[in-house]
């Protein structure tokens, strides 16, 4: 038959996929206000509004965890949490963005916001088909779980870590490091200082 129409889909009854996993006090006020102001739009419109909010207010940055101060802060605040990705996202807030991260952090928040807006959601992981090959097996995105009027499931990927055209943002390839074989003198063990 015909593929299900996600634009006219309604909320599916998926219990656990509606449960929030972050306490209110761990989210910025702007995020809480945004979700509260979403209103009663169709669920697919809500999902896209959430995706666009995360794209606009957070930045994709694969280098932020290289900052030692951020790493120490994150280790402290994420201790004992079952889900540390949202804390990691907010560890790199600056004057222009509420936080920074990669697909794991951005889409964990997207899943949380979908659930808070009443749209059942989950997380999916998989491969990225880019540049003609499947060479990036490490991607995470949110899934909105909807249902057509005929009761057919419609699982809609909602990826806040893509460009507006839907291309995945990726960590740029670093140039290969040129290595030299050690010289015979450098392979000798230092003498015993005793």
N, C-alpha and C. Protein backbone atom coordinates (compact mmCIF):
# COMPACT_ATOMS: atom_id res chain seq x y z
N UNK A 1 0.79 -1.18 0.00
CA UNK A 1 0.00 0.00 0.00
C UNK A 1 0.84 1.25 0.00
N UNK A 2 0.19 2.31 0.36
CA UNK A 2 0.82 3.62 0.40
C UNK A 2 1.59 3.79 1.70
N UNK A 3 2.67 4.57 1.67
CA UNK A 3 3.37 4.84 2.93
C UNK A 3 2.49 5.69 3.83
N UNK A 4 2.62 5.54 5.14
CA UNK A 4 1.80 6.34 6.06
C UNK A 4 2.13 7.83 5.94
N UNK A 5 1.16 8.66 6.19
CA UNK A 5 1.31 10.11 6.10
C UNK A 5 1.68 10.67 7.47
N UNK A 6 2.94 11.06 7.63
CA UNK A 6 3.40 11.56 8.92
C UNK A 6 2.82 12.94 9.24
N UNK A 7 2.45 13.71 8.21
CA UNK A 7 1.93 15.06 8.44
C UNK A 7 0.57 15.03 9.15
N UNK A 8 -0.21 13.97 8.96
CA UNK A 8 -1.52 13.88 9.61
C UNK A 8 -1.52 12.88 10.76
N UNK A 9 -0.33 12.40 11.14
CA UNK A 9 -0.25 11.41 12.21
C UNK A 9 -0.60 12.05 13.55
N UNK A 10 -1.06 11.22 14.47
CA UNK A 10 -1.39 11.69 15.81
C UNK A 10 -0.52 10.95 16.83
N UNK A 11 -0.64 11.34 18.08
CA UNK A 11 0.17 10.78 19.16
C UNK A 11 -0.14 9.30 19.34
N UNK A 12 0.90 8.50 19.40
CA UNK A 12 0.74 7.06 19.67
C UNK A 12 0.75 6.85 21.18
N UNK A 13 0.16 5.78 21.64
CA UNK A 13 0.12 5.47 23.07
C UNK A 13 1.29 4.56 23.41
N UNK A 14 2.38 5.17 23.88
CA UNK A 14 3.59 4.40 24.13
C UNK A 14 4.15 4.62 25.54
N UNK A 15 3.34 4.81 26.52
CA UNK A 15 3.72 4.91 27.93
C UNK A 15 5.11 5.42 28.24
N UNK A 16 6.11 4.52 28.27
CA UNK A 16 7.47 4.89 28.65
C UNK A 16 8.09 5.92 27.72
N UNK A 17 7.66 5.98 26.49
CA UNK A 17 8.22 6.94 25.54
C UNK A 17 7.72 8.35 25.80
N UNK A 18 6.89 8.51 26.83
CA UNK A 18 6.40 9.83 27.21
C UNK A 18 7.05 10.33 28.50
N UNK A 19 7.82 9.49 29.15
CA UNK A 19 8.39 9.82 30.45
C UNK A 19 9.64 10.68 30.28
N UNK A 20 9.65 11.81 30.96
CA UNK A 20 10.80 12.70 30.94
C UNK A 20 11.95 12.06 31.73
N UNK A 21 13.19 12.34 31.34
CA UNK A 21 14.32 11.75 32.04
C UNK A 21 15.24 12.80 32.66
N UNK A 22 14.91 14.08 32.52
CA UNK A 22 15.70 15.15 33.13
C UNK A 22 14.82 15.97 34.06
N UNK A 23 15.28 16.24 35.29
CA UNK A 23 14.51 17.12 36.17
C UNK A 23 14.51 18.56 35.65
N UNK A 24 13.47 19.30 35.96
CA UNK A 24 13.33 20.69 35.50
C UNK A 24 14.54 21.54 35.86
N UNK A 25 15.09 21.35 37.05
CA UNK A 25 16.18 22.22 37.50
C UNK A 25 17.50 21.99 36.75
N UNK A 26 17.53 20.99 35.89
CA UNK A 26 18.74 20.74 35.10
C UNK A 26 18.62 21.27 33.67
N UNK A 27 17.52 21.95 33.39
CA UNK A 27 17.33 22.55 32.07
C UNK A 27 17.25 24.06 32.21
N UNK A 28 17.82 24.81 31.26
CA UNK A 28 17.72 26.27 31.32
C UNK A 28 16.26 26.73 31.24
N UNK A 29 15.98 27.87 31.87
CA UNK A 29 14.63 28.42 31.85
C UNK A 29 14.12 28.64 30.43
N UNK A 30 15.00 29.07 29.53
CA UNK A 30 14.60 29.30 28.14
C UNK A 30 14.06 28.02 27.50
N UNK A 31 14.64 26.89 27.83
CA UNK A 31 14.18 25.61 27.29
C UNK A 31 12.80 25.28 27.85
N UNK A 32 12.64 25.42 29.15
CA UNK A 32 11.34 25.13 29.77
C UNK A 32 10.25 26.05 29.23
N UNK A 33 10.57 27.33 29.06
CA UNK A 33 9.59 28.28 28.51
C UNK A 33 9.23 27.93 27.07
N UNK A 34 10.23 27.54 26.28
CA UNK A 34 9.96 27.17 24.89
C UNK A 34 8.97 26.02 24.81
N UNK A 35 9.18 24.97 25.59
CA UNK A 35 8.29 23.81 25.56
C UNK A 35 6.89 24.19 26.02
N UNK A 36 6.81 25.02 27.03
CA UNK A 36 5.51 25.45 27.54
C UNK A 36 4.72 26.26 26.51
N UNK A 37 5.42 26.98 25.65
CA UNK A 37 4.77 27.84 24.65
C UNK A 37 4.46 27.14 23.33
N UNK A 38 4.73 25.84 23.21
CA UNK A 38 4.52 25.14 21.94
C UNK A 38 3.06 25.06 21.52
N UNK A 39 2.15 25.00 22.45
CA UNK A 39 0.73 24.97 22.12
C UNK A 39 0.25 23.62 21.62
N UNK A 40 -0.85 23.64 20.86
CA UNK A 40 -1.50 22.41 20.41
C UNK A 40 -1.36 22.17 18.92
N UNK A 41 -0.21 22.44 18.37
CA UNK A 41 0.02 22.19 16.94
C UNK A 41 0.04 20.68 16.70
N UNK A 42 -0.09 20.25 15.44
CA UNK A 42 0.04 18.82 15.14
C UNK A 42 1.41 18.31 15.61
N UNK A 43 1.48 17.03 16.01
CA UNK A 43 2.73 16.52 16.60
C UNK A 43 3.95 16.63 15.69
N UNK A 44 3.78 16.48 14.38
CA UNK A 44 4.93 16.60 13.50
C UNK A 44 5.46 18.03 13.47
N UNK A 45 4.57 19.01 13.51
CA UNK A 45 4.99 20.42 13.57
C UNK A 45 5.73 20.70 14.87
N UNK A 46 5.24 20.14 15.97
CA UNK A 46 5.91 20.30 17.26
C UNK A 46 7.31 19.70 17.20
N UNK A 47 7.42 18.51 16.62
CA UNK A 47 8.72 17.84 16.52
C UNK A 47 9.71 18.68 15.72
N UNK A 48 9.27 19.24 14.60
CA UNK A 48 10.16 20.06 13.79
C UNK A 48 10.51 21.37 14.49
N UNK A 49 9.57 21.94 15.25
CA UNK A 49 9.85 23.17 16.01
C UNK A 49 10.92 22.90 17.07
N UNK A 50 10.85 21.75 17.72
CA UNK A 50 11.85 21.38 18.72
C UNK A 50 13.20 21.19 18.06
N UNK A 51 13.23 20.46 16.96
CA UNK A 51 14.49 20.27 16.23
C UNK A 51 15.12 21.61 15.87
N UNK A 52 14.31 22.53 15.35
CA UNK A 52 14.82 23.83 14.93
C UNK A 52 15.29 24.67 16.12
N UNK A 53 14.60 24.57 17.25
CA UNK A 53 15.02 25.28 18.46
C UNK A 53 16.40 24.79 18.91
N UNK A 54 16.60 23.48 18.94
CA UNK A 54 17.89 22.93 19.36
C UNK A 54 18.98 23.35 18.38
N UNK A 55 18.70 23.32 17.10
CA UNK A 55 19.69 23.77 16.09
C UNK A 55 20.06 25.24 16.30
N UNK A 56 19.08 26.05 16.64
CA UNK A 56 19.29 27.49 16.75
C UNK A 56 19.97 27.89 18.07
N UNK A 57 19.59 27.25 19.18
CA UNK A 57 20.06 27.69 20.49
C UNK A 57 21.27 26.92 21.02
N UNK A 58 21.64 25.84 20.33
CA UNK A 58 22.81 25.03 20.72
C UNK A 58 23.72 24.95 19.51
N UNK A 59 25.00 24.69 19.76
CA UNK A 59 25.92 24.59 18.63
C UNK A 59 26.52 23.19 18.57
N UNK A 60 26.73 22.75 17.35
CA UNK A 60 27.41 21.49 17.10
C UNK A 60 28.90 21.77 17.24
N UNK A 61 29.55 21.11 18.20
CA UNK A 61 30.96 21.37 18.45
C UNK A 61 31.62 20.11 18.99
N UNK A 62 32.34 19.40 18.14
CA UNK A 62 32.99 18.17 18.60
C UNK A 62 34.23 18.40 19.45
N UNK A 63 34.66 19.66 19.61
CA UNK A 63 35.90 19.92 20.34
C UNK A 63 35.69 20.37 21.78
N UNK A 64 34.45 20.67 22.18
CA UNK A 64 34.27 21.28 23.50
C UNK A 64 34.74 20.38 24.64
N UNK A 65 34.70 19.07 24.47
CA UNK A 65 35.14 18.17 25.54
C UNK A 65 36.67 18.11 25.64
N UNK A 66 37.36 18.72 24.69
CA UNK A 66 38.82 18.77 24.78
C UNK A 66 39.29 19.80 25.79
N UNK A 67 38.41 20.69 26.25
CA UNK A 67 38.73 21.67 27.27
C UNK A 67 38.79 20.95 28.62
N UNK A 68 39.93 20.98 29.28
CA UNK A 68 40.12 20.26 30.54
C UNK A 68 39.14 20.73 31.61
N UNK A 69 38.85 22.03 31.65
CA UNK A 69 37.92 22.55 32.66
C UNK A 69 36.52 21.99 32.45
N UNK A 70 36.08 21.92 31.20
CA UNK A 70 34.76 21.35 30.89
C UNK A 70 34.75 19.87 31.28
N UNK A 71 35.81 19.15 30.96
CA UNK A 71 35.90 17.74 31.31
C UNK A 71 35.80 17.50 32.81
N UNK A 72 36.50 18.33 33.61
CA UNK A 72 36.42 18.18 35.08
C UNK A 72 35.02 18.49 35.59
N UNK A 73 34.42 19.58 35.07
CA UNK A 73 33.07 19.94 35.51
C UNK A 73 32.09 18.84 35.16
N UNK A 74 32.20 18.32 33.94
CA UNK A 74 31.29 17.27 33.50
C UNK A 74 31.44 16.00 34.34
N UNK A 75 32.66 15.64 34.65
CA UNK A 75 32.88 14.45 35.48
C UNK A 75 32.21 14.62 36.84
N UNK A 76 32.25 15.83 37.37
CA UNK A 76 31.64 16.09 38.69
C UNK A 76 30.11 16.07 38.60
N UNK A 77 29.54 16.77 37.62
CA UNK A 77 28.07 16.89 37.58
C UNK A 77 27.38 15.65 37.03
N UNK A 78 28.08 14.83 36.28
CA UNK A 78 27.42 13.66 35.70
C UNK A 78 27.56 12.41 36.57
N UNK A 79 28.35 12.48 37.64
CA UNK A 79 28.52 11.34 38.53
C UNK A 79 27.16 10.92 39.10
N UNK A 80 26.84 9.65 38.95
CA UNK A 80 25.60 9.12 39.51
C UNK A 80 24.38 9.31 38.62
N UNK A 81 24.52 9.92 37.47
CA UNK A 81 23.38 10.12 36.58
C UNK A 81 23.30 8.95 35.60
N UNK A 82 22.09 8.54 35.34
CA UNK A 82 21.91 7.49 34.34
C UNK A 82 22.10 8.03 32.93
N UNK A 83 21.87 9.33 32.75
CA UNK A 83 21.91 9.92 31.42
C UNK A 83 22.66 11.25 31.49
N UNK A 84 23.94 11.25 31.16
CA UNK A 84 24.78 12.43 31.33
C UNK A 84 24.86 13.31 30.08
N UNK A 85 24.25 12.91 28.97
CA UNK A 85 24.41 13.67 27.73
C UNK A 85 23.83 15.08 27.81
N UNK A 86 22.71 15.26 28.51
CA UNK A 86 22.13 16.59 28.60
C UNK A 86 22.99 17.48 29.48
N UNK A 87 23.58 16.92 30.55
CA UNK A 87 24.52 17.69 31.37
C UNK A 87 25.74 18.07 30.55
N UNK A 88 26.23 17.16 29.73
CA UNK A 88 27.38 17.44 28.88
C UNK A 88 27.06 18.57 27.91
N UNK A 89 25.86 18.57 27.38
CA UNK A 89 25.44 19.61 26.44
C UNK A 89 25.54 20.99 27.09
N UNK A 90 25.07 21.11 28.31
CA UNK A 90 25.03 22.41 28.98
C UNK A 90 26.37 22.80 29.59
N UNK A 91 27.35 21.91 29.58
CA UNK A 91 28.67 22.23 30.12
C UNK A 91 29.38 23.28 29.28
N UNK A 92 29.00 23.42 28.03
CA UNK A 92 29.70 24.34 27.13
C UNK A 92 28.85 25.53 26.73
N UNK A 93 27.99 25.99 27.63
CA UNK A 93 27.18 27.18 27.34
C UNK A 93 28.10 28.39 27.19
N UNK A 94 27.69 29.32 26.34
CA UNK A 94 28.42 30.58 26.20
C UNK A 94 27.39 31.69 26.01
N UNK A 95 27.84 32.88 25.69
CA UNK A 95 26.88 33.99 25.61
C UNK A 95 25.91 33.87 24.45
N UNK A 96 26.24 33.08 23.43
CA UNK A 96 25.39 32.94 22.26
C UNK A 96 24.58 31.66 22.22
N UNK A 97 24.99 30.66 22.98
CA UNK A 97 24.35 29.34 22.92
C UNK A 97 24.11 28.79 24.32
N UNK A 98 23.05 28.02 24.44
CA UNK A 98 22.74 27.38 25.72
C UNK A 98 23.67 26.21 26.01
N UNK A 99 24.38 25.74 25.00
CA UNK A 99 25.30 24.64 25.18
C UNK A 99 25.86 24.18 23.85
N UNK A 100 26.70 23.14 23.93
CA UNK A 100 27.33 22.60 22.73
C UNK A 100 27.50 21.10 22.88
N UNK A 101 27.53 20.43 21.76
CA UNK A 101 27.74 18.99 21.77
C UNK A 101 27.70 18.45 20.37
N UNK A 102 27.65 17.15 20.31
CA UNK A 102 27.53 16.46 19.03
C UNK A 102 26.18 15.76 19.01
N UNK A 103 25.99 14.83 18.09
CA UNK A 103 24.68 14.20 17.93
C UNK A 103 24.15 13.60 19.22
N UNK A 104 25.00 13.01 20.04
CA UNK A 104 24.54 12.38 21.27
C UNK A 104 23.87 13.39 22.19
N UNK A 105 24.53 14.51 22.43
CA UNK A 105 23.99 15.50 23.35
C UNK A 105 22.79 16.24 22.75
N UNK A 106 22.94 16.71 21.50
CA UNK A 106 21.87 17.49 20.88
C UNK A 106 20.58 16.68 20.75
N UNK A 107 20.69 15.43 20.37
CA UNK A 107 19.49 14.63 20.15
C UNK A 107 18.95 13.99 21.43
N UNK A 108 19.77 13.85 22.45
CA UNK A 108 19.24 13.45 23.76
C UNK A 108 18.32 14.56 24.28
N UNK A 109 18.76 15.82 24.13
CA UNK A 109 17.90 16.93 24.52
C UNK A 109 16.65 16.97 23.65
N UNK A 110 16.78 16.72 22.36
CA UNK A 110 15.63 16.71 21.47
C UNK A 110 14.61 15.68 21.93
N UNK A 111 15.06 14.49 22.29
CA UNK A 111 14.16 13.46 22.80
C UNK A 111 13.46 13.93 24.07
N UNK A 112 14.21 14.51 24.97
CA UNK A 112 13.63 15.03 26.22
C UNK A 112 12.55 16.06 25.93
N UNK A 113 12.83 16.99 25.02
CA UNK A 113 11.86 18.05 24.72
C UNK A 113 10.63 17.50 24.01
N UNK A 114 10.81 16.51 23.13
CA UNK A 114 9.65 15.88 22.50
C UNK A 114 8.72 15.30 23.56
N UNK A 115 9.30 14.57 24.49
CA UNK A 115 8.49 13.95 25.55
C UNK A 115 7.80 15.01 26.39
N UNK A 116 8.49 16.07 26.73
CA UNK A 116 7.89 17.14 27.54
C UNK A 116 6.76 17.84 26.78
N UNK A 117 6.84 17.83 25.44
CA UNK A 117 5.79 18.46 24.62
C UNK A 117 4.64 17.50 24.32
N UNK A 118 4.70 16.29 24.88
CA UNK A 118 3.62 15.34 24.69
C UNK A 118 3.77 14.45 23.47
N UNK A 119 4.93 14.45 22.83
CA UNK A 119 5.17 13.60 21.66
C UNK A 119 6.03 12.43 22.11
N UNK A 120 5.52 11.20 22.02
CA UNK A 120 6.34 10.05 22.43
C UNK A 120 7.62 10.00 21.61
N UNK A 121 8.73 9.74 22.29
CA UNK A 121 10.01 9.79 21.60
C UNK A 121 10.99 8.79 22.20
N UNK A 122 11.95 8.43 21.40
CA UNK A 122 13.03 7.56 21.82
C UNK A 122 14.30 7.96 21.09
N UNK A 123 15.32 7.17 21.31
CA UNK A 123 16.64 7.41 20.73
C UNK A 123 16.98 6.24 19.81
N UNK A 124 17.59 6.54 18.69
CA UNK A 124 18.07 5.50 17.78
C UNK A 124 19.54 5.78 17.47
N UNK A 125 20.29 4.73 17.25
CA UNK A 125 21.68 4.89 16.85
C UNK A 125 21.90 4.10 15.57
N UNK A 126 22.88 4.51 14.81
CA UNK A 126 23.15 3.80 13.58
C UNK A 126 24.29 4.39 12.79
N UNK A 127 24.33 4.01 11.55
CA UNK A 127 25.39 4.40 10.63
C UNK A 127 24.96 5.62 9.83
N UNK A 128 25.94 6.38 9.35
CA UNK A 128 25.69 7.50 8.46
C UNK A 128 26.16 7.12 7.07
N UNK A 129 25.27 7.25 6.10
CA UNK A 129 25.66 7.04 4.71
C UNK A 129 26.04 8.39 4.15
N UNK A 130 27.33 8.64 3.99
CA UNK A 130 27.81 9.93 3.51
C UNK A 130 29.00 9.71 2.59
N UNK A 131 29.11 10.58 1.62
CA UNK A 131 30.22 10.52 0.68
C UNK A 131 30.32 9.15 0.01
N UNK A 132 29.18 8.50 -0.19
CA UNK A 132 29.16 7.24 -0.91
C UNK A 132 29.55 6.01 -0.12
N UNK A 133 29.68 6.14 1.19
CA UNK A 133 30.06 4.96 1.98
C UNK A 133 29.44 5.00 3.37
N UNK A 134 29.42 3.84 3.99
CA UNK A 134 28.96 3.70 5.37
C UNK A 134 30.20 3.58 6.25
N UNK A 135 30.78 4.71 6.58
CA UNK A 135 32.02 4.65 7.33
C UNK A 135 31.94 5.31 8.70
N UNK A 136 30.77 5.78 9.08
CA UNK A 136 30.61 6.45 10.37
C UNK A 136 29.56 5.70 11.20
N UNK A 137 29.95 4.68 11.95
CA UNK A 137 28.96 3.87 12.67
C UNK A 137 28.51 4.46 13.98
N UNK A 138 28.73 5.74 14.18
CA UNK A 138 28.49 6.30 15.49
C UNK A 138 27.62 7.55 15.41
N UNK A 139 26.32 7.37 15.18
CA UNK A 139 25.41 8.51 15.12
C UNK A 139 24.18 8.20 15.95
N UNK A 140 23.62 9.24 16.57
CA UNK A 140 22.44 9.10 17.40
C UNK A 140 21.44 10.18 16.99
N UNK A 141 20.17 9.81 16.91
CA UNK A 141 19.12 10.77 16.60
C UNK A 141 17.88 10.42 17.41
N UNK A 142 16.98 11.39 17.52
CA UNK A 142 15.71 11.17 18.22
C UNK A 142 14.69 10.62 17.23
N UNK A 143 13.72 9.88 17.75
CA UNK A 143 12.62 9.36 16.93
C UNK A 143 11.30 9.77 17.59
N UNK A 144 10.44 10.41 16.82
CA UNK A 144 9.08 10.70 17.27
C UNK A 144 8.21 9.50 16.89
N UNK A 145 7.51 8.95 17.83
CA UNK A 145 6.65 7.79 17.58
C UNK A 145 5.22 8.27 17.42
N UNK A 146 4.71 8.19 16.20
CA UNK A 146 3.36 8.66 15.89
C UNK A 146 2.55 7.52 15.31
N UNK A 147 1.28 7.79 15.04
CA UNK A 147 0.37 6.77 14.52
C UNK A 147 -0.59 7.43 13.54
N UNK A 148 -0.84 6.76 12.41
CA UNK A 148 -1.79 7.30 11.44
C UNK A 148 -3.21 7.03 11.91
N UNK A 149 -4.17 7.61 11.19
CA UNK A 149 -5.58 7.37 11.52
C UNK A 149 -5.96 5.91 11.38
N UNK A 150 -5.21 5.17 10.57
CA UNK A 150 -5.48 3.73 10.39
C UNK A 150 -4.75 2.88 11.42
N UNK A 151 -4.05 3.54 12.37
CA UNK A 151 -3.33 2.80 13.41
C UNK A 151 -1.96 2.31 12.99
N UNK A 152 -1.46 2.77 11.85
CA UNK A 152 -0.13 2.37 11.39
C UNK A 152 0.94 3.19 12.12
N UNK A 153 1.99 2.54 12.59
CA UNK A 153 3.05 3.31 13.26
C UNK A 153 3.84 4.14 12.26
N UNK A 154 4.19 5.32 12.69
CA UNK A 154 5.03 6.21 11.89
C UNK A 154 6.17 6.64 12.80
N UNK A 155 7.34 6.15 12.54
CA UNK A 155 8.51 6.53 13.33
C UNK A 155 9.27 7.57 12.53
N UNK A 156 9.30 8.78 13.03
CA UNK A 156 9.86 9.90 12.30
C UNK A 156 11.20 10.30 12.92
N UNK A 157 12.30 10.20 12.16
CA UNK A 157 13.58 10.63 12.69
C UNK A 157 13.61 12.16 12.83
N UNK A 158 14.01 12.62 14.00
CA UNK A 158 14.13 14.04 14.27
C UNK A 158 15.58 14.27 14.70
N UNK A 159 16.37 14.83 13.81
CA UNK A 159 17.81 14.94 14.03
C UNK A 159 18.22 16.40 14.11
N UNK A 160 18.52 16.87 15.32
CA UNK A 160 18.94 18.26 15.52
C UNK A 160 20.41 18.47 15.22
N UNK A 161 21.11 17.41 14.85
CA UNK A 161 22.54 17.54 14.53
C UNK A 161 22.77 17.44 13.03
N UNK A 162 21.83 17.98 12.26
CA UNK A 162 21.96 18.03 10.80
C UNK A 162 21.84 19.48 10.35
N UNK A 163 22.24 19.73 9.13
CA UNK A 163 22.04 21.05 8.54
C UNK A 163 20.56 21.22 8.21
N UNK A 164 20.18 22.41 7.83
CA UNK A 164 18.79 22.66 7.43
C UNK A 164 18.39 21.80 6.24
N UNK A 165 19.37 21.38 5.44
CA UNK A 165 19.09 20.52 4.28
C UNK A 165 19.04 19.05 4.67
N UNK A 166 19.30 18.73 5.95
CA UNK A 166 19.23 17.34 6.40
C UNK A 166 20.54 16.59 6.33
N UNK A 167 21.63 17.27 5.99
CA UNK A 167 22.93 16.58 5.95
C UNK A 167 23.49 16.49 7.36
N UNK A 168 24.01 15.31 7.75
CA UNK A 168 24.56 15.19 9.09
C UNK A 168 25.80 16.06 9.28
N UNK A 169 25.88 16.70 10.42
CA UNK A 169 27.09 17.42 10.78
C UNK A 169 28.08 16.37 11.27
N UNK A 170 29.31 16.53 10.91
CA UNK A 170 30.29 15.51 11.28
C UNK A 170 31.56 16.16 11.77
N UNK A 171 32.27 15.41 12.58
CA UNK A 171 33.57 15.85 13.04
C UNK A 171 34.49 15.89 11.84
N UNK A 172 35.14 17.03 11.60
CA UNK A 172 36.04 17.07 10.45
C UNK A 172 37.20 16.09 10.62
N UNK A 173 37.58 15.52 9.53
CA UNK A 173 38.70 14.59 9.56
C UNK A 173 39.97 15.36 9.89
N UNK A 174 40.72 14.84 10.81
CA UNK A 174 41.99 15.46 11.15
C UNK A 174 43.06 14.91 10.23
N UNK A 175 44.03 15.75 9.87
CA UNK A 175 45.07 15.24 8.98
C UNK A 175 45.87 14.14 9.67
N UNK A 176 46.33 13.17 8.88
CA UNK A 176 47.10 12.09 9.50
C UNK A 176 48.40 12.64 10.07
N UNK A 177 48.82 12.04 11.15
CA UNK A 177 50.06 12.45 11.80
C UNK A 177 51.21 11.73 11.11
N UNK A 178 52.22 12.49 10.76
CA UNK A 178 53.39 11.89 10.13
C UNK A 178 54.27 11.34 11.25
N UNK A 179 54.53 10.07 11.18
CA UNK A 179 55.35 9.44 12.21
C UNK A 179 56.68 9.01 11.60
N UNK A 180 57.72 9.14 12.40
CA UNK A 180 59.04 8.69 11.99
C UNK A 180 59.47 7.57 12.91
N UNK A 181 60.18 6.65 12.36
CA UNK A 181 60.74 5.58 13.18
C UNK A 181 61.76 6.21 14.13
N UNK A 182 61.76 5.77 15.39
CA UNK A 182 62.72 6.36 16.34
C UNK A 182 64.15 6.02 15.92
N UNK A 183 65.05 6.94 16.21
CA UNK A 183 66.46 6.70 15.91
C UNK A 183 67.00 5.69 16.92
N UNK A 184 68.05 4.96 16.59
CA UNK A 184 68.59 3.98 17.52
C UNK A 184 68.96 4.59 18.87
N UNK A 185 69.42 5.82 18.89
CA UNK A 185 69.80 6.45 20.16
C UNK A 185 68.59 6.68 21.05
N UNK A 186 67.43 7.00 20.46
CA UNK A 186 66.24 7.28 21.28
C UNK A 186 65.57 6.01 21.78
N UNK A 187 65.94 4.86 21.25
CA UNK A 187 65.31 3.62 21.71
C UNK A 187 66.05 3.01 22.89
N UNK A 188 67.21 3.57 23.24
CA UNK A 188 67.94 3.04 24.39
C UNK A 188 67.22 3.46 25.67
N UNK A 189 67.19 2.59 26.62
CA UNK A 189 66.56 2.89 27.90
C UNK A 189 67.47 3.81 28.71
N UNK A 190 66.89 4.73 29.46
CA UNK A 190 67.74 5.60 30.27
C UNK A 190 68.48 4.77 31.32
N UNK A 191 69.61 5.27 31.70
CA UNK A 191 70.38 4.54 32.72
C UNK A 191 69.66 4.63 34.07
N UNK A 192 69.86 3.66 34.89
CA UNK A 192 69.24 3.59 36.22
C UNK A 192 69.84 4.72 37.07
N UNK A 193 69.01 5.63 37.63
CA UNK A 193 69.55 6.76 38.37
C UNK A 193 70.18 6.36 39.69
N UNK A 194 70.04 5.13 40.14
CA UNK A 194 70.61 4.76 41.44
C UNK A 194 72.06 4.69 41.42
